[in-house]
Amino acid sequence: TMNIVETDQGTTMVKGLAVRTAHNEEEALNLLFEGETNRAIAAHSLNQSSSRSHCIFTIYIESRSRTETSAQFTLSKLNLVDLAGSERLKKTNSEGATQK
Protein backbone atom coordinates (compact mmCIF):
# COMPACT_ATOMS: atom_id res chain seq x y z
CA THR A 1 0.00 0.00 0.00
CA MET A 2 1.27 3.45 -0.91
CA ASN A 3 0.67 6.44 1.35
CA ILE A 4 0.55 9.63 -0.72
CA VAL A 5 0.85 12.83 1.29
CA GLU A 6 1.16 16.55 0.71
CA THR A 7 4.07 18.26 2.47
CA ASP A 8 3.93 21.60 4.29
CA GLN A 9 5.56 23.13 1.17
CA GLY A 10 2.63 21.91 -0.99
CA THR A 11 4.46 19.15 -2.88
CA THR A 12 3.00 15.68 -3.25
CA MET A 13 5.11 12.67 -2.31
CA VAL A 14 4.90 8.98 -1.50
CA LYS A 15 5.79 8.14 2.10
CA GLY A 16 8.82 5.91 2.49
CA LEU A 17 10.53 6.89 -0.76
CA ALA A 18 14.09 8.18 -0.70
CA VAL A 19 16.00 10.68 -2.79
CA ARG A 20 19.48 9.37 -3.53
CA THR A 21 22.30 11.33 -5.16
CA ALA A 22 24.37 9.92 -8.01
CA HIS A 23 27.51 11.74 -9.09
CA ASN A 24 28.09 9.75 -12.25
CA GLU A 25 26.49 7.28 -14.68
CA GLU A 26 27.70 4.21 -12.77
CA GLU A 27 26.13 5.38 -9.50
CA ALA A 28 22.84 6.19 -11.29
CA LEU A 29 22.73 2.74 -12.92
CA ASN A 30 23.42 1.07 -9.56
CA LEU A 31 20.43 2.92 -8.08
CA LEU A 32 18.26 1.84 -11.01
CA PHE A 33 19.32 -1.80 -10.54
CA GLU A 34 18.71 -1.56 -6.78
CA GLY A 35 15.16 -0.41 -7.46
CA GLU A 36 14.66 -3.19 -10.00
CA THR A 37 15.50 -5.83 -7.38
CA ASN A 38 12.71 -4.49 -5.13
CA ARG A 39 9.97 -4.99 -7.75
CA ALA A 40 7.42 -7.80 -7.54
CA ILE A 41 7.54 -10.13 -10.56
CA ALA A 42 5.29 -13.09 -11.41
CA ALA A 43 4.84 -15.38 -14.39
CA HIS A 44 1.65 -15.83 -16.41
CA SER A 45 0.75 -17.26 -19.81
CA LEU A 46 1.85 -14.14 -21.75
CA ASN A 47 5.01 -13.19 -19.88
CA GLN A 48 7.36 -15.28 -17.72
CA SER A 49 8.65 -12.23 -15.81
CA SER A 50 5.75 -9.81 -15.69
CA SER A 51 6.17 -6.85 -13.36
CA ARG A 52 3.43 -6.74 -10.74
CA SER A 53 4.48 -3.36 -9.33
CA HIS A 54 4.75 0.13 -10.72
CA CYS A 55 8.15 1.80 -10.97
CA ILE A 56 9.02 5.49 -11.19
CA PHE A 57 12.65 6.48 -11.60
CA THR A 58 13.07 10.25 -11.39
CA ILE A 59 16.28 11.84 -12.56
CA TYR A 60 17.15 15.40 -11.55
CA ILE A 61 19.89 16.85 -13.72
CA GLU A 62 21.91 19.91 -12.77
CA SER A 63 24.05 21.18 -15.62
CA ARG A 64 26.55 24.02 -15.78
CA SER A 65 28.35 25.56 -18.70
CA ARG A 66 31.94 24.35 -19.09
CA THR A 67 32.98 27.50 -20.94
CA GLU A 68 31.36 30.27 -18.90
CA THR A 69 32.55 31.04 -15.38
CA SER A 70 29.25 32.45 -14.10
CA ALA A 71 27.37 30.50 -11.43
CA GLN A 72 24.33 30.02 -13.72
CA PHE A 73 23.05 26.45 -14.04
CA THR A 74 20.04 24.60 -15.45
CA LEU A 75 17.89 22.14 -13.49
CA SER A 76 15.96 19.45 -15.35
CA LYS A 77 13.70 16.61 -14.21
CA LEU A 78 13.08 13.38 -16.12
CA ASN A 79 10.54 10.75 -15.00
CA LEU A 80 10.86 7.19 -16.31
CA VAL A 81 7.61 5.33 -15.57
CA ASP A 82 6.80 1.62 -15.92
CA LEU A 83 3.21 0.74 -15.07
CA ALA A 84 2.62 -2.84 -13.97
CA GLY A 85 0.05 -5.16 -15.46
CA SER A 86 -0.51 -3.65 -18.87
CA GLU A 87 -1.55 -7.06 -20.23
CA ARG A 88 -5.26 -7.84 -20.53
CA LEU A 89 -6.13 -9.88 -17.43
CA LYS A 90 -8.44 -12.18 -19.40
CA LYS A 91 -5.59 -13.21 -21.74
CA THR A 92 -3.05 -13.93 -18.96
CA ASN A 93 -5.03 -16.74 -17.26
CA SER A 94 -3.74 -15.33 -13.96
CA GLU A 95 -5.26 -16.35 -10.64
CA GLY A 96 -4.80 -15.50 -6.97
CA ALA A 97 -1.91 -13.23 -5.97
CA THR A 98 -0.63 -12.94 -9.56
CA GLN A 99 -4.02 -11.63 -10.65
CA LYS A 100 -3.88 -8.86 -8.07
C-alpha atoms as a PDB file:
ATOM      1  CA  THR A   1       0.000   0.000   0.000  1.00  0.00           C
ATOM      2  CA  MET A   2       1.266   3.452  -0.905  1.00  0.00           C
ATOM      3  CA  ASN A   3       0.667   6.442   1.346  1.00  0.00           C
ATOM      4  CA  ILE A   4       0.551   9.626  -0.722  1.00  0.00           C
ATOM      5  CA  VAL A   5       0.851  12.832   1.292  1.00  0.00           C
ATOM      6  CA  GLU A   6       1.163  16.546   0.714  1.00  0.00           C
ATOM      7  CA  THR A   7       4.072  18.260   2.467  1.00  0.00           C
ATOM      8  CA  ASP A   8       3.931  21.600   4.289  1.00  0.00           C
ATOM      9  CA  GLN A   9       5.556  23.127   1.171  1.00  0.00           C
ATOM     10  CA  GLY A  10       2.628  21.910  -0.989  1.00  0.00           C
ATOM     11  CA  THR A  11       4.456  19.155  -2.882  1.00  0.00           C
ATOM     12  CA  THR A  12       3.000  15.679  -3.253  1.00  0.00           C
ATOM     13  CA  MET A  13       5.109  12.665  -2.314  1.00  0.00           C
ATOM     14  CA  VAL A  14       4.902   8.976  -1.495  1.00  0.00           C
ATOM     15  CA  LYS A  15       5.787   8.142   2.102  1.00  0.00           C
ATOM     16  CA  GLY A  16       8.820   5.910   2.488  1.00  0.00           C
ATOM     17  CA  LEU A  17      10.534   6.887  -0.759  1.00  0.00           C
ATOM     18  CA  ALA A  18      14.092   8.177  -0.696  1.00  0.00           C
ATOM     19  CA  VAL A  19      15.996  10.680  -2.792  1.00  0.00           C
ATOM     20  CA  ARG A  20      19.480   9.374  -3.532  1.00  0.00           C
ATOM     21  CA  THR A  21      22.303  11.325  -5.163  1.00  0.00           C
ATOM     22  CA  ALA A  22      24.372   9.916  -8.008  1.00  0.00           C
ATOM     23  CA  HIS A  23      27.511  11.741  -9.085  1.00  0.00           C
ATOM     24  CA  ASN A  24      28.086   9.754 -12.255  1.00  0.00           C
ATOM     25  CA  GLU A  25      26.493   7.281 -14.676  1.00  0.00           C
ATOM     26  CA  GLU A  26      27.696   4.206 -12.770  1.00  0.00           C
ATOM     27  CA  GLU A  27      26.126   5.381  -9.503  1.00  0.00           C
ATOM     28  CA  ALA A  28      22.843   6.188 -11.294  1.00  0.00           C
ATOM     29  CA  LEU A  29      22.727   2.743 -12.918  1.00  0.00           C
ATOM     30  CA  ASN A  30      23.420   1.075  -9.561  1.00  0.00           C
ATOM     31  CA  LEU A  31      20.430   2.922  -8.080  1.00  0.00           C
ATOM     32  CA  LEU A  32      18.262   1.840 -11.012  1.00  0.00           C
ATOM     33  CA  PHE A  33      19.325  -1.799 -10.541  1.00  0.00           C
ATOM     34  CA  GLU A  34      18.713  -1.564  -6.780  1.00  0.00           C
ATOM     35  CA  GLY A  35      15.159  -0.408  -7.457  1.00  0.00           C
ATOM     36  CA  GLU A  36      14.665  -3.188 -10.003  1.00  0.00           C
ATOM     37  CA  THR A  37      15.497  -5.834  -7.378  1.00  0.00           C
ATOM     38  CA  ASN A  38      12.706  -4.494  -5.135  1.00  0.00           C
ATOM     39  CA  ARG A  39       9.973  -4.992  -7.747  1.00  0.00           C
ATOM     40  CA  ALA A  40       7.421  -7.803  -7.536  1.00  0.00           C
ATOM     41  CA  ILE A  41       7.543 -10.125 -10.559  1.00  0.00           C
ATOM     42  CA  ALA A  42       5.290 -13.092 -11.408  1.00  0.00           C
ATOM     43  CA  ALA A  43       4.843 -15.384 -14.392  1.00  0.00           C
ATOM     44  CA  HIS A  44       1.654 -15.827 -16.413  1.00  0.00           C
ATOM     45  CA  SER A  45       0.745 -17.262 -19.810  1.00  0.00           C
ATOM     46  CA  LEU A  46       1.846 -14.145 -21.752  1.00  0.00           C
ATOM     47  CA  ASN A  47       5.011 -13.188 -19.875  1.00  0.00           C
ATOM     48  CA  GLN A  48       7.359 -15.277 -17.720  1.00  0.00           C
ATOM     49  CA  SER A  49       8.653 -12.233 -15.810  1.00  0.00           C
ATOM     50  CA  SER A  50       5.751  -9.806 -15.687  1.00  0.00           C
ATOM     51  CA  SER A  51       6.175  -6.848 -13.364  1.00  0.00           C
ATOM     52  CA  ARG A  52       3.430  -6.744 -10.743  1.00  0.00           C
ATOM     53  CA  SER A  53       4.475  -3.362  -9.325  1.00  0.00           C
ATOM     54  CA  HIS A  54       4.749   0.131 -10.720  1.00  0.00           C
ATOM     55  CA  CYS A  55       8.145   1.795 -10.972  1.00  0.00           C
ATOM     56  CA  ILE A  56       9.017   5.491 -11.185  1.00  0.00           C
ATOM     57  CA  PHE A  57      12.652   6.480 -11.604  1.00  0.00           C
ATOM     58  CA  THR A  58      13.068  10.255 -11.390  1.00  0.00           C
ATOM     59  CA  ILE A  59      16.282  11.840 -12.561  1.00  0.00           C
ATOM     60  CA  TYR A  60      17.147  15.402 -11.552  1.00  0.00           C
ATOM     61  CA  ILE A  61      19.888  16.848 -13.721  1.00  0.00           C
ATOM     62  CA  GLU A  62      21.914  19.911 -12.768  1.00  0.00           C
ATOM     63  CA  SER A  63      24.052  21.183 -15.615  1.00  0.00           C
ATOM     64  CA  ARG A  64      26.551  24.019 -15.784  1.00  0.00           C
ATOM     65  CA  SER A  65      28.355  25.562 -18.703  1.00  0.00           C
ATOM     66  CA  ARG A  66      31.938  24.350 -19.094  1.00  0.00           C
ATOM     67  CA  THR A  67      32.975  27.504 -20.942  1.00  0.00           C
ATOM     68  CA  GLU A  68      31.358  30.274 -18.896  1.00  0.00           C
ATOM     69  CA  THR A  69      32.551  31.039 -15.381  1.00  0.00           C
ATOM     70  CA  SER A  70      29.246  32.452 -14.101  1.00  0.00           C
ATOM     71  CA  ALA A  71      27.369  30.505 -11.434  1.00  0.00           C
ATOM     72  CA  GLN A  72      24.329  30.017 -13.720  1.00  0.00           C
ATOM     73  CA  PHE A  73      23.048  26.453 -14.039  1.00  0.00           C
ATOM     74  CA  THR A  74      20.037  24.599 -15.453  1.00  0.00           C
ATOM     75  CA  LEU A  75      17.895  22.137 -13.492  1.00  0.00           C
ATOM     76  CA  SER A  76      15.959  19.448 -15.349  1.00  0.00           C
ATOM     77  CA  LYS A  77      13.700  16.611 -14.215  1.00  0.00           C
ATOM     78  CA  LEU A  78      13.081  13.378 -16.124  1.00  0.00           C
ATOM     79  CA  ASN A  79      10.541  10.754 -15.001  1.00  0.00           C
ATOM     80  CA  LEU A  80      10.858   7.187 -16.311  1.00  0.00           C
ATOM     81  CA  VAL A  81       7.609   5.327 -15.568  1.00  0.00           C
ATOM     82  CA  ASP A  82       6.799   1.623 -15.918  1.00  0.00           C
ATOM     83  CA  LEU A  83       3.213   0.739 -15.066  1.00  0.00           C
ATOM     84  CA  ALA A  84       2.618  -2.843 -13.974  1.00  0.00           C
ATOM     85  CA  GLY A  85       0.048  -5.161 -15.457  1.00  0.00           C
ATOM     86  CA  SER A  86      -0.507  -3.649 -18.874  1.00  0.00           C
ATOM     87  CA  GLU A  87      -1.552  -7.061 -20.230  1.00  0.00           C
ATOM     88  CA  ARG A  88      -5.259  -7.839 -20.531  1.00  0.00           C
ATOM     89  CA  LEU A  89      -6.126  -9.877 -17.426  1.00  0.00           C
ATOM     90  CA  LYS A  90      -8.443 -12.177 -19.398  1.00  0.00           C
ATOM     91  CA  LYS A  91      -5.592 -13.210 -21.737  1.00  0.00           C
ATOM     92  CA  THR A  92      -3.048 -13.930 -18.961  1.00  0.00           C
ATOM     93  CA  ASN A  93      -5.027 -16.736 -17.261  1.00  0.00           C
ATOM     94  CA  SER A  94      -3.740 -15.335 -13.956  1.00  0.00           C
ATOM     95  CA  GLU A  95      -5.259 -16.350 -10.640  1.00  0.00           C
ATOM     96  CA  GLY A  96      -4.801 -15.505  -6.972  1.00  0.00           C
ATOM     97  CA  ALA A  97      -1.907 -13.233  -5.974  1.00  0.00           C
ATOM     98  CA  THR A  98      -0.628 -12.943  -9.555  1.00  0.00           C
ATOM     99  CA  GLN A  99      -4.016 -11.633 -10.652  1.00  0.00           C
ATOM    100  CA  LYS A 100      -3.876  -8.859  -8.067  1.00  0.00           C
END
